[in-house]
């Protein structure tokens, strides 16, 4: 049985040679002061289908205690678009409350999420299975 709790961090960033590692390092620096026993795993890194020269990267943040998206996003002092929705998981045949937080640079030009500069971020909960 897996006792870990996950938040997924999906970012869209301009593609640079070291963008995946740079965001990973920046994410660790932001998270570790709050959750020192957390781990961050690269889940996916793909070319962004909508705009050439960009990557969409998903990191899984595994924590060893329950945490909600609204608690997780408090460490990032930017304007979040937060929502909750009930979803049904076909595999487990269970309904659960999915929480999401999104932010984008174009709507909030004076704010910045991590370095190098991220264009868009989506944080959501997900069962730990990676």
C-alpha atoms as a PDB file:
ATOM      1  CA  UNK A   1       0.000   0.000   0.000  1.00  0.00           C
ATOM      2  CA  UNK A   2       1.305   3.419  -0.968  1.00  0.00           C
ATOM      3  CA  UNK A   3       1.164   5.946   1.901  1.00  0.00           C
ATOM      4  CA  UNK A   4       2.421   8.882  -0.141  1.00  0.00           C
ATOM      5  CA  UNK A   5       0.424  11.871  -1.285  1.00  0.00           C
ATOM      6  CA  UNK A   6       1.009  13.616  -4.595  1.00  0.00           C
ATOM      7  CA  UNK A   7       0.599  16.971  -6.194  1.00  0.00           C
ATOM      8  CA  UNK A   8       1.294  17.149  -9.890  1.00  0.00           C
ATOM      9  CA  UNK A   9       2.942  20.295 -11.239  1.00  0.00           C
ATOM     10  CA  UNK A  10       2.432  20.792 -14.972  1.00  0.00           C
ATOM     11  CA  UNK A  11       4.381  23.707 -16.474  1.00  0.00           C
ATOM     12  CA  UNK A  12       4.753  25.177 -19.930  1.00  0.00           C
ATOM     13  CA  UNK A  13       8.143  26.744 -20.483  1.00  0.00           C
ATOM     14  CA  UNK A  14      10.216  28.060 -23.361  1.00  0.00           C
ATOM     15  CA  UNK A  15      12.463  25.191 -24.445  1.00  0.00           C
ATOM     16  CA  UNK A  16      16.093  25.677 -23.421  1.00  0.00           C
ATOM     17  CA  UNK A  17      18.896  23.149 -23.226  1.00  0.00           C
ATOM     18  CA  UNK A  18      18.603  22.796 -19.441  1.00  0.00           C
ATOM     19  CA  UNK A  19      14.974  23.878 -18.856  1.00  0.00           C
ATOM     20  CA  UNK A  20      13.856  20.532 -17.369  1.00  0.00           C
ATOM     21  CA  UNK A  21      16.683  20.453 -14.797  1.00  0.00           C
ATOM     22  CA  UNK A  22      16.471  24.189 -14.079  1.00  0.00           C
ATOM     23  CA  UNK A  23      12.764  24.015 -13.220  1.00  0.00           C
ATOM     24  CA  UNK A  24      13.351  20.872 -11.146  1.00  0.00           C
ATOM     25  CA  UNK A  25      16.056  22.655  -9.133  1.00  0.00           C
ATOM     26  CA  UNK A  26      13.879  25.739  -8.702  1.00  0.00           C
ATOM     27  CA  UNK A  27      10.915  23.609  -7.585  1.00  0.00           C
ATOM     28  CA  UNK A  28      13.088  21.803  -5.001  1.00  0.00           C
ATOM     29  CA  UNK A  29      14.331  25.140  -3.628  1.00  0.00           C
ATOM     30  CA  UNK A  30      10.738  26.340  -3.221  1.00  0.00           C
ATOM     31  CA  UNK A  31       9.364  23.137  -1.666  1.00  0.00           C
ATOM     32  CA  UNK A  32      12.110  21.768   0.601  1.00  0.00           C
ATOM     33  CA  UNK A  33      11.881  24.476   3.303  1.00  0.00           C
ATOM     34  CA  UNK A  34       8.239  23.449   3.840  1.00  0.00           C
ATOM     35  CA  UNK A  35       8.372  19.682   3.223  1.00  0.00           C
ATOM     36  CA  UNK A  36      11.929  18.455   3.733  1.00  0.00           C
ATOM     37  CA  UNK A  37      11.154  14.799   3.039  1.00  0.00           C
ATOM     38  CA  UNK A  38       9.442  15.413  -0.297  1.00  0.00           C
ATOM     39  CA  UNK A  39      10.642  13.975  -3.590  1.00  0.00           C
ATOM     40  CA  UNK A  40      10.074  15.345  -7.074  1.00  0.00           C
ATOM     41  CA  UNK A  41       9.876  13.019 -10.054  1.00  0.00           C
ATOM     42  CA  UNK A  42       9.874  13.938 -13.736  1.00  0.00           C
ATOM     43  CA  UNK A  43       6.684  12.332 -15.032  1.00  0.00           C
ATOM     44  CA  UNK A  44       6.599  13.683 -18.581  1.00  0.00           C
ATOM     45  CA  UNK A  45       8.364  16.116 -20.900  1.00  0.00           C
ATOM     46  CA  UNK A  46       6.876  16.745 -24.333  1.00  0.00           C
ATOM     47  CA  UNK A  47       6.941  19.385 -27.024  1.00  0.00           C
ATOM     48  CA  UNK A  48       4.011  21.723 -26.465  1.00  0.00           C
ATOM     49  CA  UNK A  49       1.593  21.003 -29.280  1.00  0.00           C
ATOM     50  CA  UNK A  50       0.148  24.499 -29.374  1.00  0.00           C
ATOM     51  CA  UNK A  51       3.333  26.546 -29.758  1.00  0.00           C
ATOM     52  CA  UNK A  52       6.688  25.514 -31.178  1.00  0.00           C
ATOM     53  CA  UNK A  53       9.774  26.176 -29.073  1.00  0.00           C
ATOM     54  CA  UNK A  54       7.953  25.313 -25.830  1.00  0.00           C
ATOM     55  CA  UNK A  55       7.847  22.228 -23.620  1.00  0.00           C
ATOM     56  CA  UNK A  56       5.102  20.952 -21.356  1.00  0.00           C
ATOM     57  CA  UNK A  57       6.687  19.287 -18.343  1.00  0.00           C
ATOM     58  CA  UNK A  58       4.926  17.389 -15.561  1.00  0.00           C
ATOM     59  CA  UNK A  59       6.594  16.804 -12.191  1.00  0.00           C
ATOM     60  CA  UNK A  60       5.133  14.628  -9.451  1.00  0.00           C
ATOM     61  CA  UNK A  61       5.722  15.989  -5.960  1.00  0.00           C
ATOM     62  CA  UNK A  62       5.485  13.141  -3.444  1.00  0.00           C
ATOM     63  CA  UNK A  63       4.928  14.025   0.169  1.00  0.00           C
ATOM     64  CA  UNK A  64       4.746  11.689   3.124  1.00  0.00           C
ATOM     65  CA  UNK A  65       1.710  13.330   4.708  1.00  0.00           C
ATOM     66  CA  UNK A  66      -1.649  14.410   3.334  1.00  0.00           C
ATOM     67  CA  UNK A  67      -1.617  17.820   1.688  1.00  0.00           C
ATOM     68  CA  UNK A  68      -4.201  19.692  -0.322  1.00  0.00           C
ATOM     69  CA  UNK A  69      -3.619  21.778  -3.420  1.00  0.00           C
ATOM     70  CA  UNK A  70      -4.722  24.923  -1.599  1.00  0.00           C
ATOM     71  CA  UNK A  71      -2.128  24.239   1.124  1.00  0.00           C
ATOM     72  CA  UNK A  72       0.585  23.475  -1.471  1.00  0.00           C
ATOM     73  CA  UNK A  73       0.061  26.667  -3.496  1.00  0.00           C
ATOM     74  CA  UNK A  74       0.365  28.922  -0.422  1.00  0.00           C
ATOM     75  CA  UNK A  75       4.167  28.771  -0.709  1.00  0.00           C
ATOM     76  CA  UNK A  76       3.990  30.426  -4.149  1.00  0.00           C
ATOM     77  CA  UNK A  77       2.884  34.034  -3.725  1.00  0.00           C
ATOM     78  CA  UNK A  78       1.125  34.537  -7.038  1.00  0.00           C
ATOM     79  CA  UNK A  79      -2.500  34.879  -8.173  1.00  0.00           C
ATOM     80  CA  UNK A  80      -3.998  31.402  -8.523  1.00  0.00           C
ATOM     81  CA  UNK A  81      -7.211  30.387 -10.253  1.00  0.00           C
ATOM     82  CA  UNK A  82      -8.387  27.691  -7.829  1.00  0.00           C
ATOM     83  CA  UNK A  83     -11.211  25.201  -8.423  1.00  0.00           C
ATOM     84  CA  UNK A  84     -12.652  21.968  -7.088  1.00  0.00           C
ATOM     85  CA  UNK A  85     -14.547  19.345  -9.051  1.00  0.00           C
ATOM     86  CA  UNK A  86     -15.899  15.894  -8.212  1.00  0.00           C
ATOM     87  CA  UNK A  87     -14.526  13.227 -10.560  1.00  0.00           C
ATOM     88  CA  UNK A  88     -15.069   9.510 -10.931  1.00  0.00           C
ATOM     89  CA  UNK A  89     -12.086   7.167 -11.223  1.00  0.00           C
ATOM     90  CA  UNK A  90     -12.998   4.272 -13.542  1.00  0.00           C
ATOM     91  CA  UNK A  91     -10.183   2.026 -12.256  1.00  0.00           C
ATOM     92  CA  UNK A  92     -11.078   2.307  -8.560  1.00  0.00           C
ATOM     93  CA  UNK A  93     -14.796   2.874  -9.186  1.00  0.00           C
ATOM     94  CA  UNK A  94     -14.718   5.683  -6.660  1.00  0.00           C
ATOM     95  CA  UNK A  95     -15.664   9.329  -6.750  1.00  0.00           C
ATOM     96  CA  UNK A  96     -13.261  11.863  -5.290  1.00  0.00           C
ATOM     97  CA  UNK A  97     -12.862  15.590  -5.044  1.00  0.00           C
ATOM     98  CA  UNK A  98     -10.188  16.870  -7.419  1.00  0.00           C
ATOM     99  CA  UNK A  99      -8.633  20.242  -6.638  1.00  0.00           C
ATOM    100  CA  UNK A 100      -6.825  22.367  -9.208  1.00  0.00           C
ATOM    101  CA  UNK A 101      -4.871  25.584  -9.226  1.00  0.00           C
ATOM    102  CA  UNK A 102      -3.753  27.377 -12.393  1.00  0.00           C
ATOM    103  CA  UNK A 103      -1.683  30.438 -13.143  1.00  0.00           C
ATOM    104  CA  UNK A 104      -0.438  31.976 -16.381  1.00  0.00           C
ATOM    105  CA  UNK A 105       2.083  34.685 -17.195  1.00  0.00           C
ATOM    106  CA  UNK A 106      -0.037  36.457 -19.807  1.00  0.00           C
ATOM    107  CA  UNK A 107      -2.864  37.138 -17.333  1.00  0.00           C
ATOM    108  CA  UNK A 108      -0.432  38.088 -14.560  1.00  0.00           C
ATOM    109  CA  UNK A 109       2.525  39.837 -16.267  1.00  0.00           C
ATOM    110  CA  UNK A 110       3.902  41.321 -13.029  1.00  0.00           C
ATOM    111  CA  UNK A 111       4.183  37.894 -11.366  1.00  0.00           C
ATOM    112  CA  UNK A 112       6.648  35.056 -11.848  1.00  0.00           C
ATOM    113  CA  UNK A 113       6.472  31.333 -11.040  1.00  0.00           C
ATOM    114  CA  UNK A 114       9.919  29.782 -10.591  1.00  0.00           C
ATOM    115  CA  UNK A 115      13.078  30.502 -12.576  1.00  0.00           C
ATOM    116  CA  UNK A 116      13.549  30.084 -15.534  1.00  0.00           C
ATOM    117  CA  UNK A 117      10.331  31.859 -16.293  1.00  0.00           C
ATOM    118  CA  UNK A 118       7.298  29.601 -16.608  1.00  0.00           C
ATOM    119  CA  UNK A 119       4.531  30.664 -18.988  1.00  0.00           C
ATOM    120  CA  UNK A 120       1.737  28.586 -17.416  1.00  0.00           C
ATOM    121  CA  UNK A 121       1.345  26.210 -14.463  1.00  0.00           C
ATOM    122  CA  UNK A 122      -1.356  23.763 -13.386  1.00  0.00           C
ATOM    123  CA  UNK A 123      -1.161  22.059  -9.980  1.00  0.00           C
ATOM    124  CA  UNK A 124      -3.506  19.209  -9.183  1.00  0.00           C
ATOM    125  CA  UNK A 125      -3.810  16.133  -7.000  1.00  0.00           C
ATOM    126  CA  UNK A 126      -3.265  12.674  -8.422  1.00  0.00           C
ATOM    127  CA  UNK A 127      -2.876   9.151  -7.019  1.00  0.00           C
ATOM    128  CA  UNK A 128       0.809   8.257  -6.592  1.00  0.00           C
ATOM    129  CA  UNK A 129       1.486   5.520  -9.108  1.00  0.00           C
ATOM    130  CA  UNK A 130       4.761   6.485 -10.783  1.00  0.00           C
END
